[in-house]
Amino acid sequence: PEPEDTGVPLERIAWIVTVAICLITAVIVLLSGYVGYSAVV
């Protein structure tokens, strides 16, 4: 049988990194005072 613990696919890791970078950017932009741009990010 296939092992159950196959790890995380590379494409899922890429999306997780993308979401994390966008969230960090949104917080930084919000702290800089750009509310509209923060909402877009």
Full PDB file with SEQRES, HELIX, SHEET, SSBOND, CRYST1, ORIGX, SCALE, CONECT and MASTER records, all heavy atoms in Angstrom:
SEQRES   1 A   41  PRO GLU PRO GLU ASP THR GLY VAL PRO LEU GLU ARG ILE          
SEQRES   2 A   41  ALA TRP ILE VAL THR VAL ALA ILE CYS LEU ILE THR ALA          
SEQRES   3 A   41  VAL ILE VAL LEU LEU SER GLY TYR VAL GLY TYR SER ALA          
SEQRES   4 A   41  VAL VAL                                                      
HELIX    1 AA1 LEU A   10  LEU A   31  1                                  22    
HELIX    2 AA2 VAL A   35  VAL A   40  1                                   6    
CRYST1    1.000    1.000    1.000  90.00  90.00  90.00 P 1           1          
ORIGX1      1.000000  0.000000  0.000000        0.00000                         
ORIGX2      0.000000  1.000000  0.000000        0.00000                         
ORIGX3      0.000000  0.000000  1.000000        0.00000                         
SCALE1      1.000000  0.000000  0.000000        0.00000                         
SCALE2      0.000000  1.000000  0.000000        0.00000                         
SCALE3      0.000000  0.000000  1.000000        0.00000                         
ATOM      1  N   PRO A   1       0.818  -1.214   0.000  1.00  0.00           N  
ATOM      2  CA  PRO A   1       0.000   0.000   0.000  1.00  0.00           C  
ATOM      3  C   PRO A   1       0.853   1.266   0.000  1.00  0.00           C  
ATOM      4  O   PRO A   1       1.998   1.263   0.434  1.00  0.00           O  
ATOM      5  CB  PRO A   1      -0.816  -0.106   1.284  1.00  0.00           C  
ATOM      6  CG  PRO A   1      -0.062  -1.039   2.152  1.00  0.00           C  
ATOM      7  CD  PRO A   1       0.688  -1.955   1.233  1.00  0.00           C  
ATOM      8  N   GLU A   2       0.245   2.351  -0.510  1.00  0.00           N  
ATOM      9  CA  GLU A   2       0.902   3.659  -0.522  1.00  0.00           C  
ATOM     10  C   GLU A   2       1.098   4.145   0.911  1.00  0.00           C  
ATOM     11  O   GLU A   2       0.217   3.990   1.743  1.00  0.00           O  
ATOM     12  CB  GLU A   2       0.022   4.677  -1.252  1.00  0.00           C  
ATOM     13  CG  GLU A   2       0.043   4.583  -2.740  1.00  0.00           C  
ATOM     14  CD  GLU A   2       1.177   5.397  -3.330  1.00  0.00           C  
ATOM     15  OE1 GLU A   2       1.558   6.434  -2.770  1.00  0.00           O  
ATOM     16  OE2 GLU A   2       1.673   4.968  -4.367  1.00  0.00           O  
ATOM     17  N   PRO A   3       2.220   4.761   1.205  1.00  0.00           N  
ATOM     18  CA  PRO A   3       2.381   5.342   2.536  1.00  0.00           C  
ATOM     19  C   PRO A   3       1.440   6.535   2.718  1.00  0.00           C  
ATOM     20  O   PRO A   3       1.198   7.293   1.786  1.00  0.00           O  
ATOM     21  CB  PRO A   3       3.846   5.779   2.581  1.00  0.00           C  
ATOM     22  CG  PRO A   3       4.313   5.785   1.184  1.00  0.00           C  
ATOM     23  CD  PRO A   3       3.413   4.882   0.396  1.00  0.00           C  
ATOM     24  N   GLU A   4       0.898   6.689   3.914  1.00  0.00           N  
ATOM     25  CA  GLU A   4      -0.050   7.768   4.164  1.00  0.00           C  
ATOM     26  C   GLU A   4       0.626   9.121   4.304  1.00  0.00           C  
ATOM     27  O   GLU A   4       0.044  10.141   3.986  1.00  0.00           O  
ATOM     28  CB  GLU A   4      -0.861   7.455   5.418  1.00  0.00           C  
ATOM     29  CG  GLU A   4      -1.815   6.307   5.228  1.00  0.00           C  
ATOM     30  CD  GLU A   4      -2.636   6.061   6.477  1.00  0.00           C  
ATOM     31  OE1 GLU A   4      -2.788   6.974   7.295  1.00  0.00           O  
ATOM     32  OE2 GLU A   4      -3.133   4.937   6.607  1.00  0.00           O  
ATOM     33  N   ASP A   5       1.841   9.165   4.774  1.00  0.00           N  
ATOM     34  CA  ASP A   5       2.560  10.410   4.974  1.00  0.00           C  
ATOM     35  C   ASP A   5       3.415  10.705   3.744  1.00  0.00           C  
ATOM     36  O   ASP A   5       4.607  10.398   3.705  1.00  0.00           O  
ATOM     37  CB  ASP A   5       3.418  10.328   6.232  1.00  0.00           C  
ATOM     38  CG  ASP A   5       4.038  11.659   6.582  1.00  0.00           C  
ATOM     39  OD1 ASP A   5       3.558  12.692   6.083  1.00  0.00           O  
ATOM     40  OD2 ASP A   5       4.998  11.668   7.360  1.00  0.00           O  
ATOM     41  N   THR A   6       2.792  11.309   2.730  1.00  0.00           N  
ATOM     42  CA  THR A   6       3.512  11.552   1.483  1.00  0.00           C  
ATOM     43  C   THR A   6       4.125  12.943   1.424  1.00  0.00           C  
ATOM     44  O   THR A   6       4.821  13.260   0.478  1.00  0.00           O  
ATOM     45  CB  THR A   6       2.563  11.371   0.287  1.00  0.00           C  
ATOM     46  OG1 THR A   6       1.470  12.274   0.420  1.00  0.00           O  
ATOM     47  CG2 THR A   6       2.077   9.944   0.197  1.00  0.00           C  
ATOM     48  N   GLY A   7       3.850  13.813   2.405  1.00  0.00           N  
ATOM     49  CA  GLY A   7       4.419  15.156   2.405  1.00  0.00           C  
ATOM     50  C   GLY A   7       3.507  16.154   1.720  1.00  0.00           C  
ATOM     51  O   GLY A   7       2.403  15.836   1.297  1.00  0.00           O  
ATOM     52  N   VAL A   8       3.987  17.371   1.610  1.00  0.00           N  
ATOM     53  CA  VAL A   8       3.216  18.459   1.020  1.00  0.00           C  
ATOM     54  C   VAL A   8       3.686  18.659  -0.418  1.00  0.00           C  
ATOM     55  O   VAL A   8       4.883  18.787  -0.667  1.00  0.00           O  
ATOM     56  CB  VAL A   8       3.427  19.760   1.827  1.00  0.00           C  
ATOM     57  CG1 VAL A   8       2.640  20.902   1.241  1.00  0.00           C  
ATOM     58  CG2 VAL A   8       3.056  19.549   3.275  1.00  0.00           C  
ATOM     59  N   PRO A   9       2.739  18.710  -1.368  1.00  0.00           N  
ATOM     60  CA  PRO A   9       3.141  18.947  -2.755  1.00  0.00           C  
ATOM     61  C   PRO A   9       3.768  20.333  -2.934  1.00  0.00           C  
ATOM     62  O   PRO A   9       3.437  21.277  -2.208  1.00  0.00           O  
ATOM     63  CB  PRO A   9       1.838  18.849  -3.543  1.00  0.00           C  
ATOM     64  CG  PRO A   9       0.809  18.322  -2.615  1.00  0.00           C  
ATOM     65  CD  PRO A   9       1.314  18.495  -1.234  1.00  0.00           C  
ATOM     66  N   LEU A  10       4.642  20.439  -3.883  1.00  0.00           N  
ATOM     67  CA  LEU A  10       5.362  21.684  -4.132  1.00  0.00           C  
ATOM     68  C   LEU A  10       4.414  22.832  -4.481  1.00  0.00           C  
ATOM     69  O   LEU A  10       4.617  23.964  -4.036  1.00  0.00           O  
ATOM     70  CB  LEU A  10       6.385  21.483  -5.248  1.00  0.00           C  
ATOM     71  CG  LEU A  10       7.303  22.660  -5.541  1.00  0.00           C  
ATOM     72  CD1 LEU A  10       8.107  23.024  -4.302  1.00  0.00           C  
ATOM     73  CD2 LEU A  10       8.234  22.323  -6.684  1.00  0.00           C  
ATOM     74  N   GLU A  11       3.358  22.559  -5.244  1.00  0.00           N  
ATOM     75  CA  GLU A  11       2.439  23.638  -5.619  1.00  0.00           C  
ATOM     76  C   GLU A  11       1.687  24.172  -4.403  1.00  0.00           C  
ATOM     77  O   GLU A  11       1.405  25.366  -4.323  1.00  0.00           O  
ATOM     78  CB  GLU A  11       1.466  23.186  -6.694  1.00  0.00           C  
ATOM     79  CG  GLU A  11       0.503  22.112  -6.252  1.00  0.00           C  
ATOM     80  CD  GLU A  11      -0.408  21.650  -7.370  1.00  0.00           C  
ATOM     81  OE1 GLU A  11       0.030  21.646  -8.534  1.00  0.00           O  
ATOM     82  OE2 GLU A  11      -1.551  21.304  -7.069  1.00  0.00           O  
ATOM     83  N   ARG A  12       1.408  23.324  -3.434  1.00  0.00           N  
ATOM     84  CA  ARG A  12       0.739  23.783  -2.207  1.00  0.00           C  
ATOM     85  C   ARG A  12       1.683  24.665  -1.386  1.00  0.00           C  
ATOM     86  O   ARG A  12       1.276  25.681  -0.834  1.00  0.00           O  
ATOM     87  CB  ARG A  12       0.267  22.596  -1.390  1.00  0.00           C  
ATOM     88  CG  ARG A  12      -0.561  22.990  -0.197  1.00  0.00           C  
ATOM     89  CD  ARG A  12      -1.253  21.775   0.398  1.00  0.00           C  
ATOM     90  NE  ARG A  12      -1.940  22.085   1.624  1.00  0.00           N  
ATOM     91  CZ  ARG A  12      -3.197  22.519   1.691  1.00  0.00           C  
ATOM     92  NH1 ARG A  12      -3.883  22.671   0.599  1.00  0.00           N  
ATOM     93  NH2 ARG A  12      -3.741  22.788   2.857  1.00  0.00           N  
ATOM     94  N   ILE A  13       2.938  24.291  -1.331  1.00  0.00           N  
ATOM     95  CA  ILE A  13       3.929  25.106  -0.629  1.00  0.00           C  
ATOM     96  C   ILE A  13       4.040  26.475  -1.291  1.00  0.00           C  
ATOM     97  O   ILE A  13       4.117  27.501  -0.611  1.00  0.00           O  
ATOM     98  CB  ILE A  13       5.296  24.395  -0.600  1.00  0.00           C  
ATOM     99  CG1 ILE A  13       5.219  23.142   0.259  1.00  0.00           C  
ATOM    100  CG2 ILE A  13       6.386  25.323  -0.088  1.00  0.00           C  
ATOM    101  CD1 ILE A  13       6.450  22.278   0.197  1.00  0.00           C  
ATOM    102  N   ALA A  14       4.023  26.500  -2.615  1.00  0.00           N  
ATOM    103  CA  ALA A  14       4.114  27.769  -3.338  1.00  0.00           C  
ATOM    104  C   ALA A  14       2.935  28.677  -3.019  1.00  0.00           C  
ATOM    105  O   ALA A  14       3.104  29.892  -2.826  1.00  0.00           O  
ATOM    106  CB  ALA A  14       4.191  27.509  -4.833  1.00  0.00           C  
ATOM    107  N   TRP A  15       1.724  28.117  -2.940  1.00  0.00           N  
ATOM    108  CA  TRP A  15       0.547  28.932  -2.612  1.00  0.00           C  
ATOM    109  C   TRP A  15       0.601  29.409  -1.171  1.00  0.00           C  
ATOM    110  O   TRP A  15       0.209  30.547  -0.867  1.00  0.00           O  
ATOM    111  CB  TRP A  15      -0.741  28.179  -2.885  1.00  0.00           C  
ATOM    112  CG  TRP A  15      -1.089  28.151  -4.337  1.00  0.00           C  
ATOM    113  CD1 TRP A  15      -1.152  27.056  -5.142  1.00  0.00           C  
ATOM    114  CD2 TRP A  15      -1.406  29.273  -5.174  1.00  0.00           C  
ATOM    115  NE1 TRP A  15      -1.479  27.429  -6.415  1.00  0.00           N  
ATOM    116  CE2 TRP A  15      -1.648  28.785  -6.465  1.00  0.00           C  
ATOM    117  CE3 TRP A  15      -1.495  30.644  -4.949  1.00  0.00           C  
ATOM    118  CZ2 TRP A  15      -1.975  29.616  -7.536  1.00  0.00           C  
ATOM    119  CZ3 TRP A  15      -1.827  31.473  -6.010  1.00  0.00           C  
ATOM    120  CH2 TRP A  15      -2.068  30.959  -7.282  1.00  0.00           C  
ATOM    121  N   ILE A  16       1.073  28.581  -0.253  1.00  0.00           N  
ATOM    122  CA  ILE A  16       1.197  28.985   1.145  1.00  0.00           C  
ATOM    123  C   ILE A  16       2.180  30.150   1.278  1.00  0.00           C  
ATOM    124  O   ILE A  16       1.930  31.129   1.990  1.00  0.00           O  
ATOM    125  CB  ILE A  16       1.629  27.790   2.025  1.00  0.00           C  
ATOM    126  CG1 ILE A  16       0.489  26.773   2.119  1.00  0.00           C  
ATOM    127  CG2 ILE A  16       2.049  28.254   3.414  1.00  0.00           C  
ATOM    128  CD1 ILE A  16       0.892  25.464   2.760  1.00  0.00           C  
ATOM    129  N   VAL A  17       3.301  30.065   0.576  1.00  0.00           N  
ATOM    130  CA  VAL A  17       4.290  31.140   0.598  1.00  0.00           C  
ATOM    131  C   VAL A  17       3.701  32.415   0.001  1.00  0.00           C  
ATOM    132  O   VAL A  17       3.902  33.517   0.540  1.00  0.00           O  
ATOM    133  CB  VAL A  17       5.572  30.709  -0.145  1.00  0.00           C  
ATOM    134  CG1 VAL A  17       6.506  31.886  -0.357  1.00  0.00           C  
ATOM    135  CG2 VAL A  17       6.274  29.600   0.610  1.00  0.00           C  
ATOM    136  N   THR A  18       2.953  32.290  -1.089  1.00  0.00           N  
ATOM    137  CA  THR A  18       2.332  33.450  -1.717  1.00  0.00           C  
ATOM    138  C   THR A  18       1.350  34.137  -0.771  1.00  0.00           C  
ATOM    139  O   THR A  18       1.364  35.366  -0.629  1.00  0.00           O  
ATOM    140  CB  THR A  18       1.598  33.036  -3.015  1.00  0.00           C  
ATOM    141  OG1 THR A  18       2.539  32.425  -3.905  1.00  0.00           O  
ATOM    142  CG2 THR A  18       0.958  34.226  -3.687  1.00  0.00           C  
ATOM    143  N   VAL A  19       0.519  33.351  -0.110  1.00  0.00           N  
ATOM    144  CA  VAL A  19      -0.446  33.911   0.843  1.00  0.00           C  
ATOM    145  C   VAL A  19       0.287  34.585   1.996  1.00  0.00           C  
ATOM    146  O   VAL A  19      -0.069  35.703   2.402  1.00  0.00           O  
ATOM    147  CB  VAL A  19      -1.407  32.817   1.355  1.00  0.00           C  
ATOM    148  CG1 VAL A  19      -2.250  33.325   2.502  1.00  0.00           C  
ATOM    149  CG2 VAL A  19      -2.299  32.320   0.227  1.00  0.00           C  
ATOM    150  N   ALA A  20       1.313  33.945   2.519  1.00  0.00           N  
ATOM    151  CA  ALA A  20       2.063  34.515   3.644  1.00  0.00           C  
ATOM    152  C   ALA A  20       2.726  35.835   3.260  1.00  0.00           C  
ATOM    153  O   ALA A  20       2.664  36.816   4.020  1.00  0.00           O  
ATOM    154  CB  ALA A  20       3.111  33.517   4.134  1.00  0.00           C  
ATOM    155  N   ILE A  21       3.328  35.887   2.089  1.00  0.00           N  
ATOM    156  CA  ILE A  21       3.974  37.120   1.636  1.00  0.00           C  
ATOM    157  C   ILE A  21       2.950  38.236   1.461  1.00  0.00           C  
ATOM    158  O   ILE A  21       3.192  39.381   1.854  1.00  0.00           O  
ATOM    159  CB  ILE A  21       4.758  36.873   0.333  1.00  0.00           C  
ATOM    160  CG1 ILE A  21       5.998  36.041   0.629  1.00  0.00           C  
ATOM    161  CG2 ILE A  21       5.147  38.185  -0.339  1.00  0.00           C  
ATOM    162  CD1 ILE A  21       6.746  35.568  -0.602  1.00  0.00           C  
ATOM    163  N   CYS A  22       1.801  37.907   0.898  1.00  0.00           N  
ATOM    164  CA  CYS A  22       0.760  38.920   0.714  1.00  0.00           C  
ATOM    165  C   CYS A  22       0.231  39.425   2.055  1.00  0.00           C  
ATOM    166  O   CYS A  22      -0.016  40.628   2.207  1.00  0.00           O  
ATOM    167  CB  CYS A  22      -0.381  38.368  -0.130  1.00  0.00           C  
ATOM    168  SG  CYS A  22       0.021  38.211  -1.874  1.00  0.00           S  
ATOM    169  N   LEU A  23       0.045  38.538   3.021  1.00  0.00           N  
ATOM    170  CA  LEU A  23      -0.434  38.964   4.334  1.00  0.00           C  
ATOM    171  C   LEU A  23       0.586  39.854   5.042  1.00  0.00           C  
ATOM    172  O   LEU A  23       0.221  40.867   5.647  1.00  0.00           O  
ATOM    173  CB  LEU A  23      -0.783  37.753   5.194  1.00  0.00           C  
ATOM    174  CG  LEU A  23      -2.032  36.979   4.766  1.00  0.00           C  
ATOM    175  CD1 LEU A  23      -2.202  35.745   5.644  1.00  0.00           C  
ATOM    176  CD2 LEU A  23      -3.261  37.862   4.834  1.00  0.00           C  
ATOM    177  N   ILE A  24       1.846  39.486   4.966  1.00  0.00           N  
ATOM    178  CA  ILE A  24       2.895  40.307   5.573  1.00  0.00           C  
ATOM    179  C   ILE A  24       2.961  41.677   4.896  1.00  0.00           C  
ATOM    180  O   ILE A  24       3.058  42.706   5.562  1.00  0.00           O  
ATOM    181  CB  ILE A  24       4.256  39.577   5.506  1.00  0.00           C  
ATOM    182  CG1 ILE A  24       4.241  38.362   6.420  1.00  0.00           C  
ATOM    183  CG2 ILE A  24       5.406  40.513   5.864  1.00  0.00           C  
ATOM    184  CD1 ILE A  24       5.418  37.422   6.227  1.00  0.00           C  
ATOM    185  N   THR A  25       2.860  41.677   3.574  1.00  0.00           N  
ATOM    186  CA  THR A  25       2.872  42.933   2.834  1.00  0.00           C  
ATOM    187  C   THR A  25       1.676  43.798   3.194  1.00  0.00           C  
ATOM    188  O   THR A  25       1.810  45.017   3.353  1.00  0.00           O  
ATOM    189  CB  THR A  25       2.894  42.659   1.312  1.00  0.00           C  
ATOM    190  OG1 THR A  25       4.032  41.845   1.007  1.00  0.00           O  
ATOM    191  CG2 THR A  25       2.949  43.943   0.523  1.00  0.00           C  
ATOM    192  N   ALA A  26       0.511  43.187   3.341  1.00  0.00           N  
ATOM    193  CA  ALA A  26      -0.690  43.940   3.699  1.00  0.00           C  
ATOM    194  C   ALA A  26      -0.526  44.610   5.061  1.00  0.00           C  
ATOM    195  O   ALA A  26      -0.915  45.766   5.242  1.00  0.00           O  
ATOM    196  CB  ALA A  26      -1.909  43.023   3.692  1.00  0.00           C  
ATOM    197  N   VAL A  27       0.057  43.898   6.013  1.00  0.00           N  
ATOM    198  CA  VAL A  27       0.267  44.478   7.343  1.00  0.00           C  
ATOM    199  C   VAL A  27       1.270  45.628   7.284  1.00  0.00           C  
ATOM    200  O   VAL A  27       1.053  46.697   7.868  1.00  0.00           O  
ATOM    201  CB  VAL A  27       0.736  43.386   8.336  1.00  0.00           C  
ATOM    202  CG1 VAL A  27       1.197  44.006   9.648  1.00  0.00           C  
ATOM    203  CG2 VAL A  27      -0.370  42.388   8.580  1.00  0.00           C  
ATOM    204  N   ILE A  28       2.356  45.435   6.553  1.00  0.00           N  
ATOM    205  CA  ILE A  28       3.369  46.494   6.433  1.00  0.00           C  
ATOM    206  C   ILE A  28       2.776  47.726   5.762  1.00  0.00           C  
ATOM    207  O   ILE A  28       2.997  48.861   6.220  1.00  0.00           O  
ATOM    208  CB  ILE A  28       4.604  45.974   5.661  1.00  0.00           C  
ATOM    209  CG1 ILE A  28       5.350  44.941   6.504  1.00  0.00           C  
ATOM    210  CG2 ILE A  28       5.529  47.126   5.282  1.00  0.00           C  
ATOM    211  CD1 ILE A  28       6.455  44.217   5.765  1.00  0.00           C  
ATOM    212  N   VAL A  29       2.023  47.534   4.699  1.00  0.00           N  
ATOM    213  CA  VAL A  29       1.423  48.661   3.990  1.00  0.00           C  
ATOM    214  C   VAL A  29       0.379  49.352   4.874  1.00  0.00           C  
ATOM    215  O   VAL A  29       0.281  50.580   4.888  1.00  0.00           O  
ATOM    216  CB  VAL A  29       0.818  48.183   2.646  1.00  0.00           C  
ATOM    217  CG1 VAL A  29       0.014  49.276   1.972  1.00  0.00           C  
ATOM    218  CG2 VAL A  29       1.921  47.710   1.716  1.00  0.00           C  
ATOM    219  N   LEU A  30      -0.376  48.571   5.637  1.00  0.00           N  
ATOM    220  CA  LEU A  30      -1.362  49.157   6.545  1.00  0.00           C  
ATOM    221  C   LEU A  30      -0.676  49.988   7.632  1.00  0.00           C  
ATOM    222  O   LEU A  30      -1.130  51.094   7.951  1.00  0.00           O  
ATOM    223  CB  LEU A  30      -2.208  48.057   7.185  1.00  0.00           C  
ATOM    224  CG  LEU A  30      -3.309  48.517   8.131  1.00  0.00           C  
ATOM    225  CD1 LEU A  30      -4.345  49.342   7.375  1.00  0.00           C  
ATOM    226  CD2 LEU A  30      -3.974  47.319   8.785  1.00  0.00           C  
ATOM    227  N   LEU A  31       0.415  49.484   8.190  1.00  0.00           N  
ATOM    228  CA  LEU A  31       1.148  50.230   9.207  1.00  0.00           C  
ATOM    229  C   LEU A  31       1.793  51.494   8.632  1.00  0.00           C  
ATOM    230  O   LEU A  31       2.070  52.440   9.375  1.00  0.00           O  
ATOM    231  CB  LEU A  31       2.211  49.345   9.855  1.00  0.00           C  
ATOM    232  CG  LEU A  31       1.673  48.184  10.695  1.00  0.00           C  
ATOM    233  CD1 LEU A  31       2.825  47.319  11.195  1.00  0.00           C  
ATOM    234  CD2 LEU A  31       0.841  48.701  11.858  1.00  0.00           C  
ATOM    235  N   SER A  32       2.034  51.505   7.331  1.00  0.00           N  
ATOM    236  CA  SER A  32       2.594  52.688   6.677  1.00  0.00           C  
ATOM    237  C   SER A  32       1.528  53.740   6.394  1.00  0.00           C  
ATOM    238  O   SER A  32       1.858  54.854   5.984  1.00  0.00           O  
ATOM    239  CB  SER A  32       3.276  52.293   5.367  1.00  0.00           C  
ATOM    240  OG  SER A  32       4.352  51.432   5.622  1.00  0.00           O  
ATOM    241  N   GLY A  33       0.263  53.359   6.572  1.00  0.00           N  
ATOM    242  CA  GLY A  33      -0.808  54.336   6.404  1.00  0.00           C  
ATOM    243  C   GLY A  33      -1.577  54.242   5.103  1.00  0.00           C  
ATOM    244  O   GLY A  33      -2.452  55.065   4.852  1.00  0.00           O  
ATOM    245  N   TYR A  34      -1.272  53.271   4.285  1.00  0.00           N  
ATOM    246  CA  TYR A  34      -1.965  53.120   3.010  1.00  0.00           C  
ATOM    247  C   TYR A  34      -3.080  52.081   3.154  1.00  0.00           C  
ATOM    248  O   TYR A  34      -2.896  50.907   2.864  1.00  0.00           O  
ATOM    249  CB  TYR A  34      -0.986  52.681   1.922  1.00  0.00           C  
ATOM    250  CG  TYR A  34       0.089  53.700   1.639  1.00  0.00           C  
ATOM    251  CD1 TYR A  34       1.389  53.511   2.119  1.00  0.00           C  
ATOM    252  CD2 TYR A  34      -0.187  54.836   0.909  1.00  0.00           C  
ATOM    253  CE1 TYR A  34       2.372  54.436   1.868  1.00  0.00           C  
ATOM    254  CE2 TYR A  34       0.804  55.774   0.648  1.00  0.00           C  
ATOM    255  CZ  TYR A  34       2.077  55.562   1.134  1.00  0.00           C  
ATOM    256  OH  TYR A  34       3.044  56.481   0.879  1.00  0.00           O  
ATOM    257  N   VAL A  35      -4.248  52.539   3.589  1.00  0.00           N  
ATOM    258  CA  VAL A  35      -5.345  51.626   3.901  1.00  0.00           C  
ATOM    259  C   VAL A  35      -5.891  50.967   2.634  1.00  0.00           C  
ATOM    260  O   VAL A  35      -6.146  49.766   2.610  1.00  0.00           O  
ATOM    261  CB  VAL A  35      -6.465  52.374   4.660  1.00  0.00           C  
ATOM    262  CG1 VAL A  35      -7.638  51.449   4.935  1.00  0.00           C  
ATOM    263  CG2 VAL A  35      -5.920  52.966   5.944  1.00  0.00           C  
ATOM    264  N   GLY A  36      -6.067  51.732   1.584  1.00  0.00           N  
ATOM    265  CA  GLY A  36      -6.621  51.190   0.343  1.00  0.00           C  
ATOM    266  C   GLY A  36      -5.732  50.125  -0.280  1.00  0.00           C  
ATOM    267  O   GLY A  36      -6.211  49.063  -0.695  1.00  0.00           O  
ATOM    268  N   TYR A  37      -4.441  50.409  -0.331  1.00  0.00           N  
ATOM    269  CA  TYR A  37      -3.516  49.437  -0.896  1.00  0.00           C  
ATOM    270  C   TYR A  37      -3.448  48.184  -0.032  1.00  0.00           C  
ATOM    271  O   TYR A  37      -3.303  47.074  -0.538  1.00  0.00           O  
ATOM    272  CB  TYR A  37      -2.114  50.037  -1.050  1.00  0.00           C  
ATOM    273  CG  TYR A  37      -2.027  51.099  -2.109  1.00  0.00           C  
ATOM    274  CD1 TYR A  37      -1.642  52.398  -1.795  1.00  0.00           C  
ATOM    275  CD2 TYR A  37      -2.333  50.809  -3.433  1.00  0.00           C  
ATOM    276  CE1 TYR A  37      -1.559  53.372  -2.760  1.00  0.00           C  
ATOM    277  CE2 TYR A  37      -2.260  51.782  -4.414  1.00  0.00           C  
ATOM    278  CZ  TYR A  37      -1.862  53.056  -4.076  1.00  0.00           C  
ATOM    279  OH  TYR A  37      -1.789  54.016  -5.033  1.00  0.00           O  
ATOM    280  N   SER A  38      -3.540  48.371   1.261  1.00  0.00           N  
ATOM    281  CA  SER A  38      -3.530  47.222   2.165  1.00  0.00           C  
ATOM    282  C   SER A  38      -4.731  46.315   1.911  1.00  0.00           C  
ATOM    283  O   SER A  38      -4.607  45.092   1.922  1.00  0.00           O  
ATOM    284  CB  SER A  38      -3.532  47.703   3.615  1.00  0.00           C  
ATOM    285  OG  SER A  38      -3.571  46.623   4.490  1.00  0.00           O  
ATOM    286  N   ALA A  39      -5.887  46.921   1.671  1.00  0.00           N  
ATOM    287  CA  ALA A  39      -7.090  46.133   1.380  1.00  0.00           C  
ATOM    288  C   ALA A  39      -6.943  45.363   0.076  1.00  0.00           C  
ATOM    289  O   ALA A  39      -7.376  44.203  -0.022  1.00  0.00           O  
ATOM    290  CB  ALA A  39      -8.308  47.043   1.326  1.00  0.00           C  
ATOM    291  N   VAL A  40      -6.310  45.969  -0.903  1.00  0.00           N  
ATOM    292  CA  VAL A  40      -6.109  45.292  -2.191  1.00  0.00           C  
ATOM    293  C   VAL A  40      -5.164  44.103  -2.028  1.00  0.00           C  
ATOM    294  O   VAL A  40      -5.431  43.004  -2.551  1.00  0.00           O  
ATOM    295  CB  VAL A  40      -5.564  46.280  -3.250  1.00  0.00           C  
ATOM    296  CG1 VAL A  40      -5.114  45.552  -4.501  1.00  0.00           C  
ATOM    297  CG2 VAL A  40      -6.612  47.329  -3.584  1.00  0.00           C  
ATOM    298  N   VAL A  41      -4.079  44.288  -1.305  1.00  0.00           N  
ATOM    299  CA  VAL A  41      -3.128  43.196  -1.096  1.00  0.00           C  
ATOM    300  C   VAL A  41      -3.775  42.082  -0.271  1.00  0.00           C  
ATOM    301  O   VAL A  41      -3.547  40.894  -0.524  1.00  0.00           O  
ATOM    302  CB  VAL A  41      -1.833  43.712  -0.435  1.00  0.00           C  
ATOM    303  CG1 VAL A  41      -0.894  42.573  -0.109  1.00  0.00           C  
ATOM    304  CG2 VAL A  41      -1.144  44.717  -1.334  1.00  0.00           C  
TER     305      VAL A  41                                                      
MASTER        0    0    0    2    0    0    0    6  304    1    0    4          
END                                                                             
